[in-house]
């Protein structure tokens, strides 16, 4: 008799729930104009610091949004070092070419636009449900528009 079976069943159940939630989000209708405006518009912090938006059509912004779609399911979120290799694939550079400062800047923009949230007492982040919805929508929109226009993304 396996003593780990209940624990494995619970882990499998939680993973299945996260997967089903992600799939349901990708099929829900999204208010496209509002989503586009909320991501591309700058936001201000409570201290008055202006954080720029993610420009639609920018390769780096597209890479960030596409990478967010990959990080919804891991139960312990993701860290700066996990995101770097995925971002490097889009412009065709190496992960070492992207500095830690650039990644921190990108993580701050994602956090200030409520696409991700920091897991308390760690240096790890979790994709929010809103963040996943908006990232999926904008990634699909970008891919569809560039494919229709015949532009290599």
C-alpha atoms as a PDB file:
ATOM      1  CA  UNK A   1       0.000   0.000   0.000  1.00  0.00           C
ATOM      2  CA  UNK A   2       1.340   3.398  -0.962  1.00  0.00           C
ATOM      3  CA  UNK A   3       1.469   5.847   1.952  1.00  0.00           C
ATOM      4  CA  UNK A   4       2.094   8.809  -0.352  1.00  0.00           C
ATOM      5  CA  UNK A   5      -1.006   8.273  -2.466  1.00  0.00           C
ATOM      6  CA  UNK A   6      -3.228  10.834  -0.655  1.00  0.00           C
ATOM      7  CA  UNK A   7      -0.516  13.494  -0.897  1.00  0.00           C
ATOM      8  CA  UNK A   8       0.048  12.743  -4.588  1.00  0.00           C
ATOM      9  CA  UNK A   9      -3.686  12.837  -5.240  1.00  0.00           C
ATOM     10  CA  UNK A  10      -3.917  16.266  -3.587  1.00  0.00           C
ATOM     11  CA  UNK A  11      -0.998  17.615  -5.639  1.00  0.00           C
ATOM     12  CA  UNK A  12      -2.571  16.244  -8.829  1.00  0.00           C
ATOM     13  CA  UNK A  13      -5.948  17.747  -7.937  1.00  0.00           C
ATOM     14  CA  UNK A  14      -4.402  21.196  -7.308  1.00  0.00           C
ATOM     15  CA  UNK A  15      -2.435  21.077 -10.570  1.00  0.00           C
ATOM     16  CA  UNK A  16      -5.573  20.074 -12.463  1.00  0.00           C
ATOM     17  CA  UNK A  17      -7.534  22.968 -10.920  1.00  0.00           C
ATOM     18  CA  UNK A  18      -4.812  25.472 -11.923  1.00  0.00           C
ATOM     19  CA  UNK A  19      -4.783  24.098 -15.476  1.00  0.00           C
ATOM     20  CA  UNK A  20      -8.571  24.241 -15.797  1.00  0.00           C
ATOM     21  CA  UNK A  21      -8.589  27.786 -14.411  1.00  0.00           C
ATOM     22  CA  UNK A  22      -5.972  28.885 -16.978  1.00  0.00           C
ATOM     23  CA  UNK A  23      -7.915  27.268 -19.823  1.00  0.00           C
ATOM     24  CA  UNK A  24     -11.174  28.877 -18.698  1.00  0.00           C
ATOM     25  CA  UNK A  25      -9.511  32.303 -18.584  1.00  0.00           C
ATOM     26  CA  UNK A  26      -8.234  31.942 -22.131  1.00  0.00           C
ATOM     27  CA  UNK A  27     -11.743  31.350 -23.460  1.00  0.00           C
ATOM     28  CA  UNK A  28     -13.545  34.128 -21.582  1.00  0.00           C
ATOM     29  CA  UNK A  29     -14.412  37.203 -23.646  1.00  0.00           C
ATOM     30  CA  UNK A  30     -12.250  40.175 -22.744  1.00  0.00           C
ATOM     31  CA  UNK A  31     -12.963  43.863 -23.096  1.00  0.00           C
ATOM     32  CA  UNK A  32     -10.166  44.475 -25.598  1.00  0.00           C
ATOM     33  CA  UNK A  33     -10.030  48.275 -25.588  1.00  0.00           C
ATOM     34  CA  UNK A  34      -9.929  48.432 -21.798  1.00  0.00           C
ATOM     35  CA  UNK A  35      -7.268  45.749 -21.599  1.00  0.00           C
ATOM     36  CA  UNK A  36      -5.090  47.436 -24.189  1.00  0.00           C
ATOM     37  CA  UNK A  37      -5.425  50.822 -22.482  1.00  0.00           C
ATOM     38  CA  UNK A  38      -4.676  49.467 -19.006  1.00  0.00           C
ATOM     39  CA  UNK A  39      -1.462  47.761 -20.127  1.00  0.00           C
ATOM     40  CA  UNK A  40      -0.107  50.446 -22.469  1.00  0.00           C
ATOM     41  CA  UNK A  41      -0.904  53.452 -20.258  1.00  0.00           C
ATOM     42  CA  UNK A  42       1.603  54.617 -17.656  1.00  0.00           C
ATOM     43  CA  UNK A  43       0.680  54.287 -13.977  1.00  0.00           C
ATOM     44  CA  UNK A  44       1.780  56.324 -10.989  1.00  0.00           C
ATOM     45  CA  UNK A  45       2.809  54.953  -7.624  1.00  0.00           C
ATOM     46  CA  UNK A  46       1.559  56.387  -4.340  1.00  0.00           C
ATOM     47  CA  UNK A  47       4.892  58.231  -4.087  1.00  0.00           C
ATOM     48  CA  UNK A  48       4.191  59.887  -7.454  1.00  0.00           C
ATOM     49  CA  UNK A  49       6.694  57.886  -9.474  1.00  0.00           C
ATOM     50  CA  UNK A  50       5.571  57.301 -13.048  1.00  0.00           C
ATOM     51  CA  UNK A  51       5.887  53.723 -14.333  1.00  0.00           C
ATOM     52  CA  UNK A  52       5.709  53.411 -18.133  1.00  0.00           C
ATOM     53  CA  UNK A  53       3.241  51.124 -19.821  1.00  0.00           C
ATOM     54  CA  UNK A  54       4.073  48.126 -21.967  1.00  0.00           C
ATOM     55  CA  UNK A  55       4.030  49.325 -25.572  1.00  0.00           C
ATOM     56  CA  UNK A  56       1.911  47.192 -27.859  1.00  0.00           C
ATOM     57  CA  UNK A  57       4.052  45.934 -30.712  1.00  0.00           C
ATOM     58  CA  UNK A  58       7.298  46.208 -28.731  1.00  0.00           C
ATOM     59  CA  UNK A  59       9.171  42.907 -28.948  1.00  0.00           C
ATOM     60  CA  UNK A  60      10.317  43.026 -25.310  1.00  0.00           C
ATOM     61  CA  UNK A  61       6.796  43.754 -24.040  1.00  0.00           C
ATOM     62  CA  UNK A  62       5.453  40.925 -26.189  1.00  0.00           C
ATOM     63  CA  UNK A  63       8.101  38.589 -24.762  1.00  0.00           C
ATOM     64  CA  UNK A  64       7.136  39.568 -21.204  1.00  0.00           C
ATOM     65  CA  UNK A  65       3.438  38.935 -21.814  1.00  0.00           C
ATOM     66  CA  UNK A  66       4.088  35.618 -23.551  1.00  0.00           C
ATOM     67  CA  UNK A  67       6.337  34.507 -20.688  1.00  0.00           C
ATOM     68  CA  UNK A  68       3.613  35.308 -18.155  1.00  0.00           C
ATOM     69  CA  UNK A  69       1.383  32.743 -19.835  1.00  0.00           C
ATOM     70  CA  UNK A  70       3.999  30.085 -19.079  1.00  0.00           C
ATOM     71  CA  UNK A  71       4.272  30.992 -15.393  1.00  0.00           C
ATOM     72  CA  UNK A  72       0.653  30.696 -14.231  1.00  0.00           C
ATOM     73  CA  UNK A  73       0.791  27.008 -13.372  1.00  0.00           C
ATOM     74  CA  UNK A  74       3.963  26.624 -11.242  1.00  0.00           C
ATOM     75  CA  UNK A  75       2.735  26.415  -7.623  1.00  0.00           C
ATOM     76  CA  UNK A  76       5.660  28.413  -6.229  1.00  0.00           C
ATOM     77  CA  UNK A  77       5.615  31.172  -8.822  1.00  0.00           C
ATOM     78  CA  UNK A  78       8.724  32.348 -10.651  1.00  0.00           C
ATOM     79  CA  UNK A  79      11.833  34.386  -9.989  1.00  0.00           C
ATOM     80  CA  UNK A  80      13.877  36.866 -11.997  1.00  0.00           C
ATOM     81  CA  UNK A  81      16.269  34.096 -13.098  1.00  0.00           C
ATOM     82  CA  UNK A  82      13.349  31.954 -14.357  1.00  0.00           C
ATOM     83  CA  UNK A  83      12.018  34.729 -16.577  1.00  0.00           C
ATOM     84  CA  UNK A  84      15.322  35.746 -18.167  1.00  0.00           C
ATOM     85  CA  UNK A  85      15.790  32.728 -20.528  1.00  0.00           C
ATOM     86  CA  UNK A  86      12.253  33.080 -21.887  1.00  0.00           C
ATOM     87  CA  UNK A  87      12.661  36.795 -22.550  1.00  0.00           C
ATOM     88  CA  UNK A  88      16.004  36.189 -24.283  1.00  0.00           C
ATOM     89  CA  UNK A  89      14.419  33.793 -26.799  1.00  0.00           C
ATOM     90  CA  UNK A  90      12.268  36.455 -28.467  1.00  0.00           C
ATOM     91  CA  UNK A  91      15.000  38.816 -29.689  1.00  0.00           C
ATOM     92  CA  UNK A  92      17.321  35.851 -30.195  1.00  0.00           C
ATOM     93  CA  UNK A  93      19.873  36.851 -27.568  1.00  0.00           C
ATOM     94  CA  UNK A  94      21.390  34.899 -24.726  1.00  0.00           C
ATOM     95  CA  UNK A  95      20.045  35.101 -21.170  1.00  0.00           C
ATOM     96  CA  UNK A  96      23.390  36.607 -20.101  1.00  0.00           C
ATOM     97  CA  UNK A  97      22.765  39.567 -22.432  1.00  0.00           C
ATOM     98  CA  UNK A  98      19.792  40.606 -20.288  1.00  0.00           C
ATOM     99  CA  UNK A  99      21.000  42.180 -17.077  1.00  0.00           C
ATOM    100  CA  UNK A 100      19.473  41.711 -13.664  1.00  0.00           C
ATOM    101  CA  UNK A 101      18.637  45.431 -13.669  1.00  0.00           C
ATOM    102  CA  UNK A 102      16.661  45.114 -16.907  1.00  0.00           C
ATOM    103  CA  UNK A 103      14.713  42.190 -15.482  1.00  0.00           C
ATOM    104  CA  UNK A 104      14.019  44.097 -12.247  1.00  0.00           C
ATOM    105  CA  UNK A 105      12.721  47.020 -14.328  1.00  0.00           C
ATOM    106  CA  UNK A 106      10.436  44.684 -16.295  1.00  0.00           C
ATOM    107  CA  UNK A 107       9.192  42.942 -13.141  1.00  0.00           C
ATOM    108  CA  UNK A 108       8.399  46.324 -11.601  1.00  0.00           C
ATOM    109  CA  UNK A 109       6.371  47.339 -14.672  1.00  0.00           C
ATOM    110  CA  UNK A 110       4.464  44.047 -14.572  1.00  0.00           C
ATOM    111  CA  UNK A 111       3.829  44.413 -10.844  1.00  0.00           C
ATOM    112  CA  UNK A 112       2.668  48.039 -11.093  1.00  0.00           C
ATOM    113  CA  UNK A 113       0.227  47.092 -13.862  1.00  0.00           C
ATOM    114  CA  UNK A 114      -1.162  44.309 -11.583  1.00  0.00           C
ATOM    115  CA  UNK A 115      -0.106  41.547 -13.952  1.00  0.00           C
ATOM    116  CA  UNK A 116       1.977  39.874 -11.254  1.00  0.00           C
ATOM    117  CA  UNK A 117       2.181  40.059  -7.488  1.00  0.00           C
ATOM    118  CA  UNK A 118       5.109  39.373  -5.221  1.00  0.00           C
ATOM    119  CA  UNK A 119       4.849  36.352  -2.954  1.00  0.00           C
ATOM    120  CA  UNK A 120       5.380  37.707   0.590  1.00  0.00           C
ATOM    121  CA  UNK A 121       8.802  37.155   2.188  1.00  0.00           C
ATOM    122  CA  UNK A 122      10.330  35.820  -1.048  1.00  0.00           C
ATOM    123  CA  UNK A 123      11.897  37.081  -4.260  1.00  0.00           C
ATOM    124  CA  UNK A 124       9.310  35.172  -6.279  1.00  0.00           C
ATOM    125  CA  UNK A 125       6.235  36.355  -8.151  1.00  0.00           C
ATOM    126  CA  UNK A 126       2.826  34.922  -9.003  1.00  0.00           C
ATOM    127  CA  UNK A 127       0.833  35.788 -12.122  1.00  0.00           C
ATOM    128  CA  UNK A 128      -2.549  37.280 -11.179  1.00  0.00           C
ATOM    129  CA  UNK A 129      -5.761  36.060 -12.799  1.00  0.00           C
ATOM    130  CA  UNK A 130      -6.179  39.474 -14.395  1.00  0.00           C
ATOM    131  CA  UNK A 131      -2.572  39.356 -15.531  1.00  0.00           C
ATOM    132  CA  UNK A 132      -3.043  35.974 -17.154  1.00  0.00           C
ATOM    133  CA  UNK A 133      -6.211  37.072 -18.921  1.00  0.00           C
ATOM    134  CA  UNK A 134      -4.634  40.265 -20.223  1.00  0.00           C
ATOM    135  CA  UNK A 135      -1.364  38.567 -21.192  1.00  0.00           C
ATOM    136  CA  UNK A 136      -3.200  35.855 -23.144  1.00  0.00           C
ATOM    137  CA  UNK A 137      -5.406  38.383 -24.895  1.00  0.00           C
ATOM    138  CA  UNK A 138      -2.594  40.747 -25.886  1.00  0.00           C
ATOM    139  CA  UNK A 139      -0.258  37.924 -26.921  1.00  0.00           C
ATOM    140  CA  UNK A 140      -2.927  36.446 -29.189  1.00  0.00           C
ATOM    141  CA  UNK A 141      -3.831  39.875 -30.554  1.00  0.00           C
ATOM    142  CA  UNK A 142      -0.182  40.669 -31.299  1.00  0.00           C
ATOM    143  CA  UNK A 143       0.393  37.289 -32.945  1.00  0.00           C
ATOM    144  CA  UNK A 144      -2.794  37.517 -35.020  1.00  0.00           C
ATOM    145  CA  UNK A 145      -2.051  41.058 -36.203  1.00  0.00           C
ATOM    146  CA  UNK A 146       1.552  40.331 -37.130  1.00  0.00           C
ATOM    147  CA  UNK A 147       0.558  37.098 -38.872  1.00  0.00           C
ATOM    148  CA  UNK A 148      -2.153  38.878 -40.886  1.00  0.00           C
ATOM    149  CA  UNK A 149       0.236  41.678 -41.780  1.00  0.00           C
ATOM    150  CA  UNK A 150       2.912  39.178 -42.770  1.00  0.00           C
ATOM    151  CA  UNK A 151       5.363  40.573 -40.238  1.00  0.00           C
ATOM    152  CA  UNK A 152       7.791  38.249 -38.512  1.00  0.00           C
ATOM    153  CA  UNK A 153       7.151  38.546 -34.762  1.00  0.00           C
END
